[in-house]
Amino acid sequence: MNYISNFVDTDSVINPLLDNGYLPHPIIRLGIRRQLADRLQSIATTSLEAGYESKMKYVELLRERPIAIETSTANEQHYEVGTSVLKGMLGPRMKYSACLYKKGGETLGEAEIRMLELYVERAELRDGMSVLDLGCGWGSASLYFAEIFPNSKITAFSNSRTQKEYIDSVAQSKGFSNLTVITGDVVDYEFPPSTYDRVISIELFEHMKNYALLLRKMSLTLRPSGKLFVHIFAHATTPYDFESGWMTEHFFTGGTMPSADLLLYFQDDLRVKRQWWVSGMHYSKTCEDWLTTMLGNKEGIWKGLVETYGETGALTWWNRWQVFYLACSELFRWEGGDTWGVSHYLFEKAE
């Protein structure tokens, strides 16, 4: 993400040091924190009036853009990496998004469940519903919904063949007959009209641009009175694009950092029923747990990295994933989780 771009890019010496693992984590964290301060300074405005003027220009720009850009690149960066790589980093349910440490002392696996339970509550899910998990990742939500709602029809939508293979294998092993996985690109995929009672989207909207077109698509595939639940990481006040820098190049090409209120400006087809803020501290803790898990599973992860990137690329990407988790953790813990965090939205379609 751009918050570490200067730290990584202004000195041509830094990239080789990071890629070869020569810099200790405390030094990397220090550099990230300095660049977070620079990022906040770069997006700051001189007054509240100027801040809203800038935000409105950004909203209008999004309305003029396609639904998403660089989707194939983003897919390659995160989702076509060998499943064994992410399996060695994530929790037991392979939830590749913020988890919830409700009491503070949860294990990663427990925190995965706590956030999944929160989705059920906030999306107002009930057994017997037809549910679309849009941008399903490795299926943590889809598999959980299929498990606790045996009479529901769950559709998982992903643009990754490796994710589909993984989800299908887990569903088969658990005997789930109520889960279907579809592979496609949300930009041009034609979702069936008036089909779903709920659409759930967990950290997909950050890869999107034209929210008006995307929400229209979701409205068309929802049944009357259907609801869309969105989990999206965000800056508290100011949206911006990932335009250049280390994070953009390696992990988040074409990405968006929304503001917490950004989707409120795109209620043409769906109306917001409720919004929540989840402290960034939960995401920081998630990233720290991912990093710890990763460092404890080097042997298995290394094999997957070699399969994906070859022998010469394995070392580079072993170190890049560490920088990625460090950067995300430092970002979300800034000012106690009140600057960057997670927004939850519940949209509703008219009857």
Protein backbone atom coordinates (compact mmCIF):
# COMPACT_ATOMS: atom_id res chain seq x y z
CA MET A 1 0.00 0.00 0.00
CA ASN A 2 1.19 3.51 -0.70
CA TYR A 3 1.84 4.20 2.96
CA ILE A 4 5.23 2.49 2.67
CA SER A 5 6.01 3.51 -0.89
CA ASN A 6 8.55 6.16 -0.05
CA PHE A 7 10.21 4.00 2.55
CA VAL A 8 10.74 1.32 -0.04
CA ASP A 9 11.27 3.33 -3.21
CA THR A 10 13.13 6.57 -2.52
CA ASP A 11 16.40 4.76 -1.91
CA SER A 12 17.32 2.17 -4.53
CA VAL A 13 19.32 0.33 -1.88
CA ILE A 14 16.23 -0.51 0.20
CA ASN A 15 14.50 -2.93 -2.19
CA PRO A 16 17.39 -5.44 -2.32
CA LEU A 17 17.77 -5.21 1.44
CA LEU A 18 14.08 -6.02 1.95
CA ASP A 19 13.98 -8.75 -0.69
CA ASN A 20 16.99 -10.49 0.78
CA GLY A 21 15.83 -10.18 4.38
CA TYR A 22 18.76 -8.06 5.56
CA LEU A 23 16.66 -5.57 7.54
CA PRO A 24 15.36 -6.66 10.97
CA HIS A 25 11.66 -6.25 11.69
CA PRO A 26 12.09 -3.38 14.21
CA ILE A 27 13.89 -1.30 11.57
CA ILE A 28 11.25 -2.08 8.96
CA ARG A 29 8.49 -1.12 11.41
CA LEU A 30 10.24 2.17 12.14
CA GLY A 31 10.42 3.02 8.46
CA ILE A 32 6.77 2.12 7.97
CA ARG A 33 5.67 4.34 10.86
CA ARG A 34 7.59 7.28 9.43
CA GLN A 35 5.91 6.81 6.08
CA LEU A 36 2.49 6.48 7.68
CA ALA A 37 3.02 9.94 9.11
CA ASP A 38 4.03 11.16 5.65
CA ARG A 39 0.94 9.54 4.12
CA LEU A 40 -1.35 11.29 6.57
CA GLN A 41 0.34 14.58 5.86
CA SER A 42 -0.05 14.06 2.10
CA ILE A 43 -3.82 13.48 2.33
CA ALA A 44 -4.47 16.16 4.93
CA THR A 45 -6.44 19.23 3.90
CA THR A 46 -6.28 22.75 5.23
CA SER A 47 -9.92 22.81 6.38
CA LEU A 48 -13.05 20.68 6.66
CA GLU A 49 -14.44 22.55 3.66
CA ALA A 50 -11.42 21.61 1.56
CA GLY A 51 -11.63 18.02 2.79
CA TYR A 52 -15.20 17.61 1.57
CA GLU A 53 -14.42 19.30 -1.71
CA SER A 54 -11.62 16.80 -2.29
CA LYS A 55 -13.83 13.87 -1.32
CA MET A 56 -16.61 14.93 -3.67
CA LYS A 57 -14.15 15.15 -6.54
CA TYR A 58 -12.99 11.64 -5.74
CA VAL A 59 -16.59 10.36 -5.66
CA GLU A 60 -17.27 11.86 -9.08
CA LEU A 61 -14.06 10.38 -10.44
CA LEU A 62 -15.10 6.92 -9.27
CA ARG A 63 -18.44 7.30 -11.09
CA GLU A 64 -16.56 7.88 -14.34
CA ARG A 65 -14.31 4.84 -14.04
CA PRO A 66 -14.91 1.15 -14.82
CA ILE A 67 -16.07 -1.17 -12.05
CA ALA A 68 -12.49 -2.31 -11.52
CA ILE A 69 -9.04 -2.03 -13.02
CA GLU A 70 -6.08 -4.43 -13.00
CA THR A 71 -8.21 -7.35 -11.79
CA SER A 72 -5.97 -9.93 -13.43
CA THR A 73 -2.87 -8.42 -11.84
CA ALA A 74 -4.45 -8.30 -8.39
CA ASN A 75 -5.54 -11.91 -8.83
CA GLU A 76 -1.98 -12.99 -9.60
CA GLN A 77 -0.57 -11.02 -6.66
CA HIS A 78 -2.78 -12.60 -4.01
CA TYR A 79 -5.06 -15.32 -5.20
CA GLU A 80 -3.18 -17.52 -7.65
CA VAL A 81 -0.26 -18.05 -5.28
CA GLY A 82 -0.05 -21.69 -4.26
CA THR A 83 -2.70 -22.58 -1.70
CA SER A 84 -0.04 -24.13 0.52
CA VAL A 85 1.53 -20.68 0.90
CA LEU A 86 -1.60 -19.06 2.33
CA LYS A 87 -2.50 -22.22 4.24
CA GLY A 88 0.79 -21.88 6.07
CA MET A 89 0.06 -18.26 7.01
CA LEU A 90 -3.65 -18.01 7.74
CA GLY A 91 -5.86 -19.51 10.41
CA PRO A 92 -7.58 -22.92 10.24
CA ARG A 93 -10.53 -21.50 8.27
CA MET A 94 -8.29 -19.68 5.76
CA LYS A 95 -9.93 -16.33 6.44
CA TYR A 96 -7.87 -13.84 4.43
CA SER A 97 -9.39 -10.71 5.97
CA ALA A 98 -9.68 -9.03 9.35
CA CYS A 99 -10.60 -11.27 12.25
CA LEU A 100 -12.25 -10.21 15.51
CA TYR A 101 -10.55 -10.36 18.92
CA LYS A 102 -13.66 -9.73 20.95
CA LYS A 103 -12.07 -10.42 24.34
CA GLY A 104 -8.49 -9.76 23.26
CA GLY A 105 -6.96 -13.11 24.06
CA GLU A 106 -8.42 -15.21 21.27
CA THR A 107 -6.31 -17.50 19.14
CA LEU A 108 -6.32 -16.78 15.41
CA GLY A 109 -8.77 -19.62 14.87
CA GLU A 110 -11.12 -18.28 17.54
CA ALA A 111 -10.87 -14.76 16.11
CA GLU A 112 -11.84 -16.10 12.69
CA ILE A 113 -15.02 -17.56 14.17
CA ARG A 114 -15.84 -14.39 16.12
CA MET A 115 -15.82 -12.31 12.92
CA LEU A 116 -17.81 -14.91 10.99
CA GLU A 117 -20.39 -14.89 13.77
CA LEU A 118 -20.54 -11.12 13.52
CA TYR A 119 -21.26 -11.38 9.78
CA VAL A 120 -24.22 -13.64 10.49
CA GLU A 121 -25.58 -11.16 13.03
CA ARG A 122 -25.02 -7.98 11.01
CA ALA A 123 -26.10 -9.42 7.65
CA GLU A 124 -29.23 -10.78 9.34
CA LEU A 125 -28.65 -14.26 7.91
CA ARG A 126 -31.12 -17.08 8.56
CA ASP A 127 -31.29 -20.71 7.54
CA GLY A 128 -33.08 -21.28 4.24
CA MET A 129 -31.77 -18.15 2.53
CA SER A 130 -30.04 -18.00 -0.83
CA VAL A 131 -26.64 -16.34 -0.23
CA LEU A 132 -23.99 -15.06 -2.63
CA ASP A 133 -20.48 -14.71 -1.19
CA LEU A 134 -18.98 -12.19 -3.62
CA GLY A 135 -15.20 -12.39 -3.75
CA CYS A 136 -15.14 -15.41 -1.47
CA GLY A 137 -11.39 -15.84 -1.01
CA TRP A 138 -10.58 -19.32 0.27
CA GLY A 139 -14.18 -19.77 1.31
CA SER A 140 -14.06 -19.02 5.03
CA ALA A 141 -17.48 -17.35 5.00
CA SER A 142 -19.06 -19.64 2.39
CA LEU A 143 -17.97 -22.80 4.16
CA TYR A 144 -19.08 -21.43 7.54
CA PHE A 145 -22.52 -20.46 6.20
CA ALA A 146 -22.90 -23.85 4.50
CA GLU A 147 -22.05 -25.52 7.80
CA ILE A 148 -24.39 -23.63 10.12
CA PHE A 149 -27.23 -23.11 7.60
CA PRO A 150 -27.77 -26.57 6.06
CA ASN A 151 -31.04 -25.50 4.42
CA SER A 152 -29.50 -22.46 2.73
CA LYS A 153 -28.11 -22.36 -0.79
CA ILE A 154 -24.64 -20.80 -0.70
CA THR A 155 -22.90 -19.57 -3.86
CA ALA A 156 -19.24 -18.64 -3.61
CA PHE A 157 -17.91 -16.34 -6.34
CA SER A 158 -14.17 -16.04 -7.01
CA ASN A 159 -11.88 -15.06 -9.87
CA SER A 160 -9.29 -17.64 -8.77
CA ARG A 161 -9.10 -21.23 -9.98
CA THR A 162 -6.94 -22.21 -6.99
CA GLN A 163 -9.53 -20.85 -4.59
CA LYS A 164 -12.30 -22.81 -6.30
CA GLU A 165 -10.25 -26.01 -6.15
CA TYR A 166 -9.60 -25.50 -2.46
CA ILE A 167 -13.20 -24.66 -1.52
CA ASP A 168 -14.59 -27.56 -3.54
CA SER A 169 -12.19 -29.97 -1.83
CA VAL A 170 -13.12 -28.77 1.68
CA ALA A 171 -16.86 -28.83 0.89
CA GLN A 172 -16.54 -32.37 -0.44
CA SER A 173 -14.58 -33.52 2.61
CA LYS A 174 -17.25 -32.11 4.92
CA GLY A 175 -20.14 -33.47 2.86
CA PHE A 176 -21.67 -30.09 2.07
CA SER A 177 -24.24 -30.30 -0.73
CA ASN A 178 -25.49 -26.72 -0.36
CA LEU A 179 -22.39 -24.89 -1.62
CA THR A 180 -21.55 -24.04 -5.24
CA VAL A 181 -18.36 -22.27 -6.33
CA ILE A 182 -18.38 -20.10 -9.46
CA THR A 183 -15.25 -18.67 -11.07
CA GLY A 184 -15.53 -15.39 -12.94
CA ASP A 185 -14.70 -11.70 -13.11
CA VAL A 186 -17.17 -9.48 -11.28
CA VAL A 187 -16.64 -6.79 -13.93
CA ASP A 188 -18.31 -8.73 -16.75
CA TYR A 189 -20.04 -11.66 -15.05
CA GLU A 190 -23.82 -11.68 -15.52
CA PHE A 191 -25.36 -12.57 -12.17
CA PRO A 192 -28.86 -14.11 -12.34
CA PRO A 193 -31.60 -11.54 -11.61
CA SER A 194 -33.67 -11.53 -8.41
CA THR A 195 -31.95 -14.65 -7.09
CA TYR A 196 -30.34 -13.97 -3.72
CA ASP A 197 -31.73 -13.02 -0.32
CA ARG A 198 -28.28 -11.86 0.75
CA VAL A 199 -25.05 -10.84 -0.91
CA ILE A 200 -21.99 -10.89 1.37
CA SER A 201 -18.81 -9.13 0.26
CA ILE A 202 -15.70 -9.38 2.44
CA GLU A 203 -12.76 -7.20 1.36
CA LEU A 204 -13.62 -7.18 -2.33
CA PHE A 205 -14.73 -3.56 -2.66
CA GLU A 206 -11.14 -2.39 -2.03
CA HIS A 207 -10.31 -3.81 -5.48
CA MET A 208 -13.18 -1.90 -7.12
CA LYS A 209 -13.61 1.65 -8.48
CA ASN A 210 -17.09 2.41 -9.81
CA TYR A 211 -19.26 1.55 -6.83
CA ALA A 212 -22.38 2.85 -8.54
CA LEU A 213 -22.13 0.18 -11.25
CA LEU A 214 -21.13 -2.53 -8.79
CA LEU A 215 -24.00 -1.80 -6.40
CA ARG A 216 -26.40 -1.74 -9.34
CA LYS A 217 -25.24 -5.24 -10.26
CA MET A 218 -25.83 -6.41 -6.72
CA SER A 219 -29.24 -4.78 -6.62
CA LEU A 220 -30.29 -6.61 -9.78
CA THR A 221 -29.28 -10.02 -8.42
CA LEU A 222 -30.96 -9.44 -5.05
CA ARG A 223 -34.58 -10.30 -4.48
CA PRO A 224 -36.96 -7.53 -3.33
CA SER A 225 -36.10 -6.64 0.29
CA GLY A 226 -32.79 -8.47 -0.12
CA LYS A 227 -29.70 -7.13 1.61
CA LEU A 228 -26.04 -6.61 0.82
CA PHE A 229 -23.49 -6.81 3.63
CA VAL A 230 -20.07 -5.27 2.96
CA HIS A 231 -16.89 -5.62 5.02
CA ILE A 232 -14.32 -3.15 3.67
CA PHE A 233 -11.11 -1.77 5.16
CA ALA A 234 -11.02 2.01 5.18
CA HIS A 235 -9.43 5.25 6.29
CA ALA A 236 -11.58 7.09 8.81
CA THR A 237 -12.13 10.17 6.64
CA THR A 238 -10.19 10.27 3.37
CA PRO A 239 -10.32 7.97 0.31
CA TYR A 240 -7.38 7.56 -2.03
CA ASP A 241 -6.00 5.30 -4.78
CA PHE A 242 -3.00 3.02 -4.63
CA GLU A 243 -1.11 4.60 -7.51
CA SER A 244 2.55 3.69 -7.04
CA GLY A 245 5.05 2.27 -4.61
CA TRP A 246 6.09 -1.07 -3.16
CA MET A 247 2.65 -2.21 -1.95
CA THR A 248 0.93 -1.17 -5.17
CA GLU A 249 3.50 -2.96 -7.29
CA HIS A 250 3.62 -6.23 -5.38
CA PHE A 251 0.29 -6.65 -3.57
CA PHE A 252 -2.42 -4.14 -4.43
CA THR A 253 -2.26 -2.96 -8.03
CA GLY A 254 -5.42 -1.04 -8.94
CA GLY A 255 -6.56 -0.90 -5.33
CA THR A 256 -8.60 1.66 -3.43
CA MET A 257 -8.37 2.87 0.15
CA PRO A 258 -11.96 3.96 0.78
CA SER A 259 -13.01 6.37 3.48
CA ALA A 260 -15.32 4.95 6.13
CA ASP A 261 -18.26 6.81 4.62
CA LEU A 262 -17.43 6.39 0.92
CA LEU A 263 -20.20 3.92 0.05
CA LEU A 264 -22.80 6.27 1.50
CA TYR A 265 -22.40 8.34 -1.67
CA PHE A 266 -23.52 5.46 -3.91
CA GLN A 267 -27.06 4.72 -2.78
CA ASP A 268 -28.68 4.98 -6.21
CA ASP A 269 -29.96 1.40 -6.19
CA LEU A 270 -29.51 0.15 -2.63
CA ARG A 271 -30.11 2.06 0.59
CA VAL A 272 -27.88 1.86 3.64
CA LYS A 273 -29.75 0.42 6.60
CA ARG A 274 -26.84 0.42 9.06
CA GLN A 275 -23.10 1.12 9.23
CA TRP A 276 -20.46 0.07 11.77
CA TRP A 277 -16.77 0.77 12.44
CA VAL A 278 -14.47 -2.05 13.55
CA SER A 279 -11.27 -0.81 15.19
CA GLY A 280 -8.14 -1.32 13.16
CA MET A 281 -6.58 -2.96 16.21
CA HIS A 282 -8.42 -6.16 15.28
CA TYR A 283 -6.81 -6.13 11.84
CA SER A 284 -3.39 -5.33 13.29
CA LYS A 285 -3.67 -8.30 15.63
CA THR A 286 -4.78 -10.47 12.69
CA CYS A 287 -1.69 -9.48 10.70
CA GLU A 288 0.58 -10.14 13.65
CA ASP A 289 -0.93 -13.61 14.03
CA TRP A 290 -0.51 -14.26 10.31
CA LEU A 291 3.14 -13.23 10.54
CA THR A 292 3.74 -15.45 13.57
CA THR A 293 2.01 -18.38 11.86
CA MET A 294 4.05 -17.79 8.71
CA LEU A 295 7.37 -17.78 10.55
CA GLY A 296 6.43 -21.03 12.26
CA ASN A 297 5.57 -22.80 9.00
CA LYS A 298 8.53 -21.88 6.82
CA GLU A 299 9.19 -25.36 5.46
CA GLY A 300 5.71 -25.89 4.02
CA ILE A 301 5.39 -22.32 2.80
CA TRP A 302 8.80 -22.44 1.13
CA LYS A 303 7.75 -25.40 -1.02
CA GLY A 304 4.70 -23.47 -2.21
CA LEU A 305 6.77 -20.38 -2.94
CA VAL A 306 9.17 -22.44 -5.05
CA GLU A 307 6.23 -23.94 -6.95
CA THR A 308 4.83 -20.46 -7.63
CA TYR A 309 7.95 -18.32 -8.12
CA GLY A 310 10.79 -20.77 -8.69
CA GLU A 311 13.91 -21.25 -6.60
CA THR A 312 15.25 -17.74 -7.19
CA GLY A 313 11.94 -16.06 -6.38
CA ALA A 314 11.18 -18.01 -3.21
CA LEU A 315 13.53 -16.01 -0.99
CA THR A 316 12.27 -12.72 -2.40
CA TRP A 317 8.65 -13.56 -1.75
CA TRP A 318 9.31 -15.10 1.66
CA ASN A 319 10.63 -11.69 2.70
CA ARG A 320 8.02 -9.66 0.84
CA TRP A 321 5.17 -11.43 2.64
CA GLN A 322 6.78 -10.53 5.94
CA VAL A 323 7.02 -6.86 4.94
CA PHE A 324 3.40 -7.01 3.79
CA TYR A 325 2.15 -8.20 7.17
CA LEU A 326 4.36 -5.74 9.05
CA ALA A 327 3.10 -2.86 6.93
CA CYS A 328 -0.55 -3.79 7.35
CA SER A 329 -0.19 -4.29 11.08
CA GLU A 330 1.45 -0.92 11.61
CA LEU A 331 -1.14 0.78 9.42
CA PHE A 332 -4.17 -0.56 11.25
CA ARG A 333 -2.79 -0.01 14.75
CA TRP A 334 -2.14 3.70 14.03
CA GLU A 335 -3.73 5.87 16.74
CA GLY A 336 -5.26 2.84 18.39
CA GLY A 337 -7.18 1.68 15.32
CA ASP A 338 -9.15 4.89 14.80
CA THR A 339 -7.37 6.10 11.64
CA TRP A 340 -7.48 2.97 9.48
CA GLY A 341 -9.89 0.17 10.28
CA VAL A 342 -12.86 -1.72 8.87
CA SER A 343 -16.28 -0.43 7.85
CA HIS A 344 -19.31 -2.72 7.84
CA TYR A 345 -22.35 -1.71 5.80
CA LEU A 346 -25.79 -3.28 5.48
CA PHE A 347 -27.58 -2.19 2.30
CA GLU A 348 -31.22 -3.01 1.56
CA LYS A 349 -33.13 -3.30 -1.70
CA ALA A 350 -36.59 -1.80 -1.91
CA GLU A 351 -39.55 -4.18 -1.86
